[in-house]
Amino acid sequence: MPTTNPRVMLTVTGRTREIYTETARAMGIPTARLMTQVLKEAEGGIEQLGLALAKAKSGSVNGLEGLAEALQERIDIAGDAQLDLQQEIEKQSSRKAPVKRKNQK
């Protein structure tokens, strides 16, 4: 089947494949789609990393500063995502009605 996007062959460890396969199954999507989504989400950070590393290799202090900024931005994004998840967990936990036991009326 022809595709408009070029294909890339990846070799991953058995555990990595298991993780992606199990997660994709839980999400109800193909493993390849999950991997593509993860790569797409990382695109901006990888681009920043590449630019910063290229500057750093040229001996530029700005390159190292750029690398530090890119890393801090990714840390901030991860922290925000973790906070969002924690808030969602708390919201869903508070919605759960208490379970009545058989002896309770």
PDB file of N, CA and C in Angstrom:
ATOM      1  N   MET A   1       0.850  -1.165   0.000  1.00  0.00           N
ATOM      2  CA  MET A   1       0.000   0.000   0.000  1.00  0.00           C
ATOM      3  C   MET A   1       0.903   1.239   0.000  1.00  0.00           C
ATOM      4  N   PRO A   2       0.718   2.144  -0.968  1.00  0.00           N
ATOM      5  CA  PRO A   2       1.549   3.349  -1.021  1.00  0.00           C
ATOM      6  C   PRO A   2       1.261   4.262   0.167  1.00  0.00           C
ATOM      7  N   THR A   3       2.278   4.965   0.599  1.00  0.00           N
ATOM      8  CA  THR A   3       2.115   5.881   1.717  1.00  0.00           C
ATOM      9  C   THR A   3       2.730   7.230   1.372  1.00  0.00           C
ATOM     10  N   THR A   4       2.171   8.281   1.920  1.00  0.00           N
ATOM     11  CA  THR A   4       2.706   9.618   1.658  1.00  0.00           C
ATOM     12  C   THR A   4       3.864   9.944   2.582  1.00  0.00           C
ATOM     13  N   ASN A   5       3.992   9.227   3.691  1.00  0.00           N
ATOM     14  CA  ASN A   5       5.076   9.461   4.645  1.00  0.00           C
ATOM     15  C   ASN A   5       6.143   8.395   4.483  1.00  0.00           C
ATOM     16  N   PRO A   6       7.418   8.812   4.496  1.00  0.00           N
ATOM     17  CA  PRO A   6       8.474   7.799   4.387  1.00  0.00           C
ATOM     18  C   PRO A   6       8.485   6.892   5.608  1.00  0.00           C
ATOM     19  N   ARG A   7       8.868   5.655   5.406  1.00  0.00           N
ATOM     20  CA  ARG A   7       8.913   4.683   6.490  1.00  0.00           C
ATOM     21  C   ARG A   7      10.323   4.591   7.046  1.00  0.00           C
ATOM     22  N   VAL A   8      10.402   4.259   8.333  1.00  0.00           N
ATOM     23  CA  VAL A   8      11.681   4.079   9.010  1.00  0.00           C
ATOM     24  C   VAL A   8      11.624   2.747   9.735  1.00  0.00           C
ATOM     25  N   MET A   9      12.695   1.976   9.630  1.00  0.00           N
ATOM     26  CA  MET A   9      12.742   0.700  10.336  1.00  0.00           C
ATOM     27  C   MET A   9      13.472   0.906  11.654  1.00  0.00           C
ATOM     28  N   LEU A  10      12.864   0.477  12.739  1.00  0.00           N
ATOM     29  CA  LEU A  10      13.459   0.572  14.068  1.00  0.00           C
ATOM     30  C   LEU A  10      13.656  -0.820  14.640  1.00  0.00           C
ATOM     31  N   THR A  11      14.714  -0.986  15.380  1.00  0.00           N
ATOM     32  CA  THR A  11      14.924  -2.215  16.131  1.00  0.00           C
ATOM     33  C   THR A  11      14.869  -1.848  17.602  1.00  0.00           C
ATOM     34  N   VAL A  12      13.970  -2.479  18.338  1.00  0.00           N
ATOM     35  CA  VAL A  12      13.813  -2.183  19.767  1.00  0.00           C
ATOM     36  C   VAL A  12      13.996  -3.471  20.564  1.00  0.00           C
ATOM     37  N   THR A  13      14.295  -3.305  21.843  1.00  0.00           N
ATOM     38  CA  THR A  13      14.451  -4.471  22.709  1.00  0.00           C
ATOM     39  C   THR A  13      13.087  -5.118  22.942  1.00  0.00           C
ATOM     40  N   GLY A  14      13.108  -6.339  23.399  1.00  0.00           N
ATOM     41  CA  GLY A  14      11.864  -7.048  23.685  1.00  0.00           C
ATOM     42  C   GLY A  14      11.006  -6.324  24.710  1.00  0.00           C
ATOM     43  N   ARG A  15      11.642  -5.775  25.739  1.00  0.00           N
ATOM     44  CA  ARG A  15      10.894  -5.071  26.792  1.00  0.00           C
ATOM     45  C   ARG A  15      10.265  -3.794  26.246  1.00  0.00           C
ATOM     46  N   THR A  16      11.000  -3.073  25.406  1.00  0.00           N
ATOM     47  CA  THR A  16      10.446  -1.855  24.803  1.00  0.00           C
ATOM     48  C   THR A  16       9.235  -2.203  23.955  1.00  0.00           C
ATOM     49  N   ARG A  17       9.349  -3.259  23.184  1.00  0.00           N
ATOM     50  CA  ARG A  17       8.216  -3.676  22.356  1.00  0.00           C
ATOM     51  C   ARG A  17       7.017  -4.054  23.230  1.00  0.00           C
ATOM     52  N   GLU A  18       7.262  -4.779  24.300  1.00  0.00           N
ATOM     53  CA  GLU A  18       6.180  -5.154  25.222  1.00  0.00           C
ATOM     54  C   GLU A  18       5.467  -3.926  25.774  1.00  0.00           C
ATOM     55  N   ILE A  19       6.253  -2.946  26.208  1.00  0.00           N
ATOM     56  CA  ILE A  19       5.680  -1.735  26.799  1.00  0.00           C
ATOM     57  C   ILE A  19       4.778  -1.030  25.796  1.00  0.00           C
ATOM     58  N   TYR A  20       5.280  -0.836  24.590  1.00  0.00           N
ATOM     59  CA  TYR A  20       4.481  -0.143  23.577  1.00  0.00           C
ATOM     60  C   TYR A  20       3.270  -0.959  23.150  1.00  0.00           C
ATOM     61  N   THR A  21       3.447  -2.262  23.016  1.00  0.00           N
ATOM     62  CA  THR A  21       2.340  -3.121  22.606  1.00  0.00           C
ATOM     63  C   THR A  21       1.239  -3.133  23.658  1.00  0.00           C
ATOM     64  N   GLU A  22       1.616  -3.294  24.935  1.00  0.00           N
ATOM     65  CA  GLU A  22       0.614  -3.327  26.008  1.00  0.00           C
ATOM     66  C   GLU A  22      -0.103  -1.986  26.140  1.00  0.00           C
ATOM     67  N   THR A  23       0.656  -0.899  26.027  1.00  0.00           N
ATOM     68  CA  THR A  23       0.060   0.426  26.142  1.00  0.00           C
ATOM     69  C   THR A  23      -0.873   0.705  24.972  1.00  0.00           C
ATOM     70  N   ALA A  24      -0.443   0.361  23.771  1.00  0.00           N
ATOM     71  CA  ALA A  24      -1.280   0.562  22.589  1.00  0.00           C
ATOM     72  C   ALA A  24      -2.564  -0.262  22.692  1.00  0.00           C
ATOM     73  N   ARG A  25      -2.439  -1.483  23.178  1.00  0.00           N
ATOM     74  CA  ARG A  25      -3.619  -2.341  23.339  1.00  0.00           C
ATOM     75  C   ARG A  25      -4.595  -1.701  24.328  1.00  0.00           C
ATOM     76  N   ALA A  26      -4.065  -1.166  25.437  1.00  0.00           N
ATOM     77  CA  ALA A  26      -4.919  -0.511  26.436  1.00  0.00           C
ATOM     78  C   ALA A  26      -5.597   0.729  25.858  1.00  0.00           C
ATOM     79  N   MET A  27      -4.910   1.400  24.939  1.00  0.00           N
ATOM     80  CA  MET A  27      -5.470   2.595  24.305  1.00  0.00           C
ATOM     81  C   MET A  27      -6.401   2.261  23.151  1.00  0.00           C
ATOM     82  N   GLY A  28      -6.347   1.015  22.688  1.00  0.00           N
ATOM     83  CA  GLY A  28      -7.191   0.603  21.567  1.00  0.00           C
ATOM     84  C   GLY A  28      -6.683   1.090  20.218  1.00  0.00           C
ATOM     85  N   ILE A  29      -5.361   1.249  20.110  1.00  0.00           N
ATOM     86  CA  ILE A  29      -4.771   1.698  18.839  1.00  0.00           C
ATOM     87  C   ILE A  29      -3.625   0.766  18.456  1.00  0.00           C
ATOM     88  N   PRO A  30      -3.214   0.787  17.181  1.00  0.00           N
ATOM     89  CA  PRO A  30      -2.070  -0.031  16.771  1.00  0.00           C
ATOM     90  C   PRO A  30      -0.773   0.459  17.420  1.00  0.00           C
ATOM     91  N   THR A  31       0.137  -0.457  17.659  1.00  0.00           N
ATOM     92  CA  THR A  31       1.425  -0.126  18.269  1.00  0.00           C
ATOM     93  C   THR A  31       2.173   0.902  17.431  1.00  0.00           C
ATOM     94  N   ALA A  32       2.162   0.744  16.126  1.00  0.00           N
ATOM     95  CA  ALA A  32       2.865   1.688  15.245  1.00  0.00           C
ATOM     96  C   ALA A  32       2.309   3.100  15.408  1.00  0.00           C
ATOM     97  N   ARG A  33       1.010   3.237  15.595  1.00  0.00           N
ATOM     98  CA  ARG A  33       0.417   4.568  15.773  1.00  0.00           C
ATOM     99  C   ARG A  33       0.896   5.191  17.079  1.00  0.00           C
ATOM    100  N   LEU A  34       0.968   4.391  18.152  1.00  0.00           N
ATOM    101  CA  LEU A  34       1.456   4.905  19.428  1.00  0.00           C
ATOM    102  C   LEU A  34       2.896   5.376  19.288  1.00  0.00           C
ATOM    103  N   MET A  35       3.732   4.564  18.660  1.00  0.00           N
ATOM    104  CA  MET A  35       5.135   4.937  18.483  1.00  0.00           C
ATOM    105  C   MET A  35       5.258   6.214  17.655  1.00  0.00           C
ATOM    106  N   THR A  36       4.454   6.336  16.630  1.00  0.00           N
ATOM    107  CA  THR A  36       4.458   7.538  15.800  1.00  0.00           C
ATOM    108  C   THR A  36       4.045   8.757  16.621  1.00  0.00           C
ATOM    109  N   GLN A  37       3.026   8.608  17.454  1.00  0.00           N
ATOM    110  CA  GLN A  37       2.569   9.716  18.289  1.00  0.00           C
ATOM    111  C   GLN A  37       3.648  10.137  19.293  1.00  0.00           C
ATOM    112  N   VAL A  38       4.322   9.162  19.885  1.00  0.00           N
ATOM    113  CA  VAL A  38       5.379   9.468  20.847  1.00  0.00           C
ATOM    114  C   VAL A  38       6.515  10.215  20.145  1.00  0.00           C
ATOM    115  N   LEU A  39       6.905   9.753  18.967  1.00  0.00           N
ATOM    116  CA  LEU A  39       7.968  10.421  18.213  1.00  0.00           C
ATOM    117  C   LEU A  39       7.553  11.841  17.823  1.00  0.00           C
ATOM    118  N   LYS A  40       6.301  12.005  17.422  1.00  0.00           N
ATOM    119  CA  LYS A  40       5.794  13.328  17.037  1.00  0.00           C
ATOM    120  C   LYS A  40       5.817  14.274  18.234  1.00  0.00           C
ATOM    121  N   GLU A  41       5.398  13.787  19.397  1.00  0.00           N
ATOM    122  CA  GLU A  41       5.398  14.612  20.616  1.00  0.00           C
ATOM    123  C   GLU A  41       6.815  15.038  20.994  1.00  0.00           C
ATOM    124  N   ALA A  42       7.794  14.198  20.736  1.00  0.00           N
ATOM    125  CA  ALA A  42       9.179  14.488  21.113  1.00  0.00           C
ATOM    126  C   ALA A  42       9.897  15.351  20.079  1.00  0.00           C
ATOM    127  N   GLU A  43       9.283  15.582  18.947  1.00  0.00           N
ATOM    128  CA  GLU A  43       9.922  16.268  17.822  1.00  0.00           C
ATOM    129  C   GLU A  43      10.537  17.616  18.199  1.00  0.00           C
ATOM    130  N   GLY A  44       9.775  18.463  18.879  1.00  0.00           N
ATOM    131  CA  GLY A  44      10.267  19.790  19.245  1.00  0.00           C
ATOM    132  C   GLY A  44      11.475  19.726  20.159  1.00  0.00           C
ATOM    133  N   GLY A  45      11.409  18.856  21.144  1.00  0.00           N
ATOM    134  CA  GLY A  45      12.524  18.706  22.075  1.00  0.00           C
ATOM    135  C   GLY A  45      13.766  18.159  21.401  1.00  0.00           C
ATOM    136  N   ILE A  46      13.584  17.205  20.506  1.00  0.00           N
ATOM    137  CA  ILE A  46      14.716  16.625  19.789  1.00  0.00           C
ATOM    138  C   ILE A  46      15.354  17.678  18.878  1.00  0.00           C
ATOM    139  N   GLU A  47      14.513  18.487  18.241  1.00  0.00           N
ATOM    140  CA  GLU A  47      15.036  19.555  17.381  1.00  0.00           C
ATOM    141  C   GLU A  47      15.863  20.550  18.199  1.00  0.00           C
ATOM    142  N   GLN A  48      15.331  20.968  19.355  1.00  0.00           N
ATOM    143  CA  GLN A  48      16.066  21.887  20.226  1.00  0.00           C
ATOM    144  C   GLN A  48      17.379  21.265  20.678  1.00  0.00           C
ATOM    145  N   LEU A  49      17.336  19.999  21.044  1.00  0.00           N
ATOM    146  CA  LEU A  49      18.529  19.297  21.488  1.00  0.00           C
ATOM    147  C   LEU A  49      19.577  19.272  20.382  1.00  0.00           C
ATOM    148  N   GLY A  50      19.161  18.949  19.173  1.00  0.00           N
ATOM    149  CA  GLY A  50      20.092  18.898  18.041  1.00  0.00           C
ATOM    150  C   GLY A  50      20.746  20.241  17.775  1.00  0.00           C
ATOM    151  N   LEU A  51      19.944  21.315  17.805  1.00  0.00           N
ATOM    152  CA  LEU A  51      20.491  22.655  17.576  1.00  0.00           C
ATOM    153  C   LEU A  51      21.474  23.044  18.682  1.00  0.00           C
ATOM    154  N   ALA A  52      21.099  22.770  19.931  1.00  0.00           N
ATOM    155  CA  ALA A  52      21.967  23.107  21.051  1.00  0.00           C
ATOM    156  C   ALA A  52      23.263  22.310  21.003  1.00  0.00           C
ATOM    157  N   LEU A  53      23.177  21.030  20.664  1.00  0.00           N
ATOM    158  CA  LEU A  53      24.386  20.203  20.583  1.00  0.00           C
ATOM    159  C   LEU A  53      25.299  20.667  19.459  1.00  0.00           C
ATOM    160  N   ALA A  54      24.707  21.066  18.327  1.00  0.00           N
ATOM    161  CA  ALA A  54      25.515  21.563  17.210  1.00  0.00           C
ATOM    162  C   ALA A  54      26.259  22.826  17.629  1.00  0.00           C
ATOM    163  N   LYS A  55      25.585  23.718  18.350  1.00  0.00           N
ATOM    164  CA  LYS A  55      26.244  24.943  18.826  1.00  0.00           C
ATOM    165  C   LYS A  55      27.322  24.611  19.849  1.00  0.00           C
ATOM    166  N   ALA A  56      27.021  23.664  20.730  1.00  0.00           N
ATOM    167  CA  ALA A  56      27.986  23.288  21.764  1.00  0.00           C
ATOM    168  C   ALA A  56      29.239  22.673  21.141  1.00  0.00           C
ATOM    169  N   LYS A  57      29.057  21.880  20.085  1.00  0.00           N
ATOM    170  CA  LYS A  57      30.209  21.260  19.418  1.00  0.00           C
ATOM    171  C   LYS A  57      31.098  22.301  18.765  1.00  0.00           C
ATOM    172  N   SER A  58      30.488  23.405  18.359  1.00  0.00           N
ATOM    173  CA  SER A  58      31.274  24.461  17.723  1.00  0.00           C
ATOM    174  C   SER A  58      31.979  25.315  18.769  1.00  0.00           C
ATOM    175  N   GLY A  59      31.829  24.951  20.059  1.00  0.00           N
ATOM    176  CA  GLY A  59      32.497  25.671  21.126  1.00  0.00           C
ATOM    177  C   GLY A  59      31.718  26.875  21.609  1.00  0.00           C
ATOM    178  N   SER A  60      30.479  26.983  21.207  1.00  0.00           N
ATOM    179  CA  SER A  60      29.668  28.137  21.569  1.00  0.00           C
ATOM    180  C   SER A  60      29.091  27.983  22.964  1.00  0.00           C
ATOM    181  N   VAL A  61      29.306  28.975  23.804  1.00  0.00           N
ATOM    182  CA  VAL A  61      28.695  28.981  25.132  1.00  0.00           C
ATOM    183  C   VAL A  61      27.178  29.050  24.973  1.00  0.00           C
ATOM    184  N   ASN A  62      26.723  29.762  23.935  1.00  0.00           N
ATOM    185  CA  ASN A  62      25.285  29.859  23.679  1.00  0.00           C
ATOM    186  C   ASN A  62      24.677  28.483  23.442  1.00  0.00           C
ATOM    187  N   GLY A  63      25.456  27.592  22.857  1.00  0.00           N
ATOM    188  CA  GLY A  63      24.965  26.241  22.616  1.00  0.00           C
ATOM    189  C   GLY A  63      24.703  25.507  23.919  1.00  0.00           C
ATOM    190  N   LEU A  64      25.610  25.660  24.865  1.00  0.00           N
ATOM    191  CA  LEU A  64      25.419  25.019  26.169  1.00  0.00           C
ATOM    192  C   LEU A  64      24.250  25.644  26.912  1.00  0.00           C
ATOM    193  N   GLU A  65      24.133  26.963  26.805  1.00  0.00           N
ATOM    194  CA  GLU A  65      22.991  27.630  27.432  1.00  0.00           C
ATOM    195  C   GLU A  65      21.692  27.175  26.784  1.00  0.00           C
ATOM    196  N   GLY A  66      21.710  27.037  25.467  1.00  0.00           N
ATOM    197  CA  GLY A  66      20.527  26.557  24.753  1.00  0.00           C
ATOM    198  C   GLY A  66      20.144  25.149  25.172  1.00  0.00           C
ATOM    199  N   LEU A  67      21.153  24.310  25.366  1.00  0.00           N
ATOM    200  CA  LEU A  67      20.908  22.941  25.818  1.00  0.00           C
ATOM    201  C   LEU A  67      20.290  22.954  27.218  1.00  0.00           C
ATOM    202  N   ALA A  68      20.834  23.785  28.097  1.00  0.00           N
ATOM    203  CA  ALA A  68      20.291  23.880  29.454  1.00  0.00           C
ATOM    204  C   ALA A  68      18.847  24.381  29.420  1.00  0.00           C
ATOM    205  N   GLU A  69      18.565  25.360  28.576  1.00  0.00           N
ATOM    206  CA  GLU A  69      17.201  25.886  28.457  1.00  0.00           C
ATOM    207  C   GLU A  69      16.248  24.825  27.909  1.00  0.00           C
ATOM    208  N   ALA A  70      16.700  24.086  26.891  1.00  0.00           N
ATOM    209  CA  ALA A  70      15.857  23.040  26.301  1.00  0.00           C
ATOM    210  C   ALA A  70      15.547  21.962  27.335  1.00  0.00           C
ATOM    211  N   LEU A  71      16.547  21.572  28.102  1.00  0.00           N
ATOM    212  CA  LEU A  71      16.323  20.558  29.131  1.00  0.00           C
ATOM    213  C   LEU A  71      15.365  21.066  30.200  1.00  0.00           C
ATOM    214  N   GLN A  72      15.527  22.316  30.616  1.00  0.00           N
ATOM    215  CA  GLN A  72      14.641  22.870  31.631  1.00  0.00           C
ATOM    216  C   GLN A  72      13.211  22.957  31.119  1.00  0.00           C
ATOM    217  N   GLU A  73      13.058  23.317  29.847  1.00  0.00           N
ATOM    218  CA  GLU A  73      11.712  23.388  29.259  1.00  0.00           C
ATOM    219  C   GLU A  73      11.043  22.024  29.273  1.00  0.00           C
ATOM    220  N   ARG A  74      11.797  20.968  28.950  1.00  0.00           N
ATOM    221  CA  ARG A  74      11.239  19.616  28.951  1.00  0.00           C
ATOM    222  C   ARG A  74      10.897  19.184  30.375  1.00  0.00           C
ATOM    223  N   ILE A  75      11.719  19.571  31.335  1.00  0.00           N
ATOM    224  CA  ILE A  75      11.425  19.258  32.735  1.00  0.00           C
ATOM    225  C   ILE A  75      10.135  19.945  33.158  1.00  0.00           C
ATOM    226  N   ASP A  76       9.973  21.204  32.764  1.00  0.00           N
ATOM    227  CA  ASP A  76       8.756  21.950  33.096  1.00  0.00           C
ATOM    228  C   ASP A  76       7.520  21.317  32.466  1.00  0.00           C
ATOM    229  N   ILE A  77       7.640  20.905  31.210  1.00  0.00           N
ATOM    230  CA  ILE A  77       6.518  20.269  30.511  1.00  0.00           C
ATOM    231  C   ILE A  77       6.141  18.966  31.208  1.00  0.00           C
ATOM    232  N   ALA A  78       7.151  18.176  31.580  1.00  0.00           N
ATOM    233  CA  ALA A  78       6.882  16.912  32.266  1.00  0.00           C
ATOM    234  C   ALA A  78       6.223  17.171  33.620  1.00  0.00           C
ATOM    235  N   GLY A  79       6.684  18.192  34.332  1.00  0.00           N
ATOM    236  CA  GLY A  79       6.082  18.529  35.615  1.00  0.00           C
ATOM    237  C   GLY A  79       4.628  18.941  35.464  1.00  0.00           C
ATOM    238  N   ASP A  80       4.344  19.729  34.423  1.00  0.00           N
ATOM    239  CA  ASP A  80       2.960  20.144  34.162  1.00  0.00           C
ATOM    240  C   ASP A  80       2.082  18.935  33.845  1.00  0.00           C
ATOM    241  N   ALA A  81       2.612  18.021  33.040  1.00  0.00           N
ATOM    242  CA  ALA A  81       1.847  16.823  32.679  1.00  0.00           C
ATOM    243  C   ALA A  81       1.578  15.966  33.910  1.00  0.00           C
ATOM    244  N   GLN A  82       2.561  15.859  34.779  1.00  0.00           N
ATOM    245  CA  GLN A  82       2.380  15.069  35.994  1.00  0.00           C
ATOM    246  C   GLN A  82       1.320  15.706  36.889  1.00  0.00           C
ATOM    247  N   LEU A  83       1.342  17.022  37.006  1.00  0.00           N
ATOM    248  CA  LEU A  83       0.345  17.724  37.808  1.00  0.00           C
ATOM    249  C   LEU A  83      -1.053  17.528  37.228  1.00  0.00           C
ATOM    250  N   ASP A  84      -1.166  17.602  35.907  1.00  0.00           N
ATOM    251  CA  ASP A  84      -2.458  17.364  35.251  1.00  0.00           C
ATOM    252  C   ASP A  84      -2.977  15.964  35.568  1.00  0.00           C
ATOM    253  N   LEU A  85      -2.088  14.985  35.512  1.00  0.00           N
ATOM    254  CA  LEU A  85      -2.491  13.607  35.815  1.00  0.00           C
ATOM    255  C   LEU A  85      -2.935  13.465  37.265  1.00  0.00           C
ATOM    256  N   GLN A  86      -2.193  14.073  38.172  1.00  0.00           N
ATOM    257  CA  GLN A  86      -2.549  13.992  39.592  1.00  0.00           C
ATOM    258  C   GLN A  86      -3.912  14.635  39.849  1.00  0.00           C
ATOM    259  N   GLN A  87      -4.168  15.769  39.211  1.00  0.00           N
ATOM    260  CA  GLN A  87      -5.453  16.438  39.377  1.00  0.00           C
ATOM    261  C   GLN A  87      -6.590  15.586  38.817  1.00  0.00           C
ATOM    262  N   GLU A  88      -6.349  14.934  37.686  1.00  0.00           N
ATOM    263  CA  GLU A  88      -7.375  14.074  37.091  1.00  0.00           C
ATOM    264  C   GLU A  88      -7.641  12.867  37.975  1.00  0.00           C
ATOM    265  N   ILE A  89      -6.608  12.292  38.549  1.00  0.00           N
ATOM    266  CA  ILE A  89      -6.772  11.156  39.466  1.00  0.00           C
ATOM    267  C   ILE A  89      -7.599  11.572  40.669  1.00  0.00           C
ATOM    268  N   GLU A  90      -7.289  12.731  41.242  1.00  0.00           N
ATOM    269  CA  GLU A  90      -8.039  13.223  42.395  1.00  0.00           C
ATOM    270  C   GLU A  90      -9.498  13.484  42.032  1.00  0.00           C
ATOM    271  N   LYS A  91      -9.725  14.048  40.848  1.00  0.00           N
ATOM    272  CA  LYS A  91     -11.093  14.335  40.410  1.00  0.00           C
ATOM    273  C   LYS A  91     -11.887  13.046  40.248  1.00  0.00           C
ATOM    274  N   GLN A  92     -11.270  12.048  39.614  1.00  0.00           N
ATOM    275  CA  GLN A  92     -11.967  10.776  39.411  1.00  0.00           C
ATOM    276  C   GLN A  92     -12.168  10.039  40.729  1.00  0.00           C
ATOM    277  N   SER A  93     -11.203  10.134  41.632  1.00  0.00           N
ATOM    278  CA  SER A  93     -11.333   9.472  42.937  1.00  0.00           C
ATOM    279  C   SER A  93     -12.468  10.072  43.744  1.00  0.00           C
ATOM    280  N   SER A  94     -12.658  11.384  43.647  1.00  0.00           N
ATOM    281  CA  SER A  94     -13.717  12.037  44.416  1.00  0.00           C
ATOM    282  C   SER A  94     -15.103  11.744  43.848  1.00  0.00           C
ATOM    283  N   ARG A  95     -15.177  11.325  42.600  1.00  0.00           N
ATOM    284  CA  ARG A  95     -16.465  10.986  41.972  1.00  0.00           C
ATOM    285  C   ARG A  95     -16.973   9.616  42.394  1.00  0.00           C
ATOM    286  N   LYS A  96     -16.075   8.754  42.802  1.00  0.00           N
ATOM    287  CA  LYS A  96     -16.468   7.381  43.140  1.00  0.00           C
ATOM    288  C   LYS A  96     -17.351   7.401  44.376  1.00  0.00           C
ATOM    289  N   ALA A  97     -18.483   6.756  44.269  1.00  0.00           N
ATOM    290  CA  ALA A  97     -19.409   6.669  45.406  1.00  0.00           C
ATOM    291  C   ALA A  97     -18.896   5.612  46.374  1.00  0.00           C
ATOM    292  N   PRO A  98     -19.130   5.787  47.656  1.00  0.00           N
ATOM    293  CA  PRO A  98     -18.704   4.768  48.615  1.00  0.00           C
ATOM    294  C   PRO A  98     -19.433   3.447  48.339  1.00  0.00           C
ATOM    295  N   VAL A  99     -18.712   2.373  48.505  1.00  0.00           N
ATOM    296  CA  VAL A  99     -19.272   1.047  48.259  1.00  0.00           C
ATOM    297  C   VAL A  99     -19.981   0.568  49.519  1.00  0.00           C
ATOM    298  N   LYS A 100     -21.262   0.164  49.376  1.00  0.00           N
ATOM    299  CA  LYS A 100     -22.007  -0.352  50.530  1.00  0.00           C
ATOM    300  C   LYS A 100     -21.681  -1.827  50.710  1.00  0.00           C
ATOM    301  N   ARG A 101     -21.540  -2.209  51.957  1.00  0.00           N
ATOM    302  CA  ARG A 101     -21.279  -3.606  52.251  1.00  0.00           C
ATOM    303  C   ARG A 101     -22.599  -4.307  52.411  1.00  0.00           C
ATOM    304  N   LYS A 102     -22.577  -5.602  52.323  1.00  0.00           N
ATOM    305  CA  LYS A 102     -23.811  -6.394  52.385  1.00  0.00           C
ATOM    306  C   LYS A 102     -24.570  -6.168  53.689  1.00  0.00           C
ATOM    307  N   ASN A 103     -23.868  -5.988  54.789  1.00  0.00           N
ATOM    308  CA  ASN A 103     -24.512  -5.843  56.099  1.00  0.00           C
ATOM    309  C   ASN A 103     -25.015  -4.429  56.344  1.00  0.00           C
ATOM    310  N   GLN A 104     -24.619  -3.466  55.473  1.00  0.00           N
ATOM    311  CA  GLN A 104     -25.078  -2.084  55.671  1.00  0.00           C
ATOM    312  C   GLN A 104     -26.457  -1.892  55.079  1.00  0.00           C
ATOM    313  N   LYS A 105     -27.227  -0.983  55.674  1.00  0.00           N
ATOM    314  CA  LYS A 105     -28.554  -0.683  55.144  1.00  0.00           C
ATOM    315  C   LYS A 105     -28.627   0.755  54.739  1.00  0.00           C
TER     316      LYS A 105
END
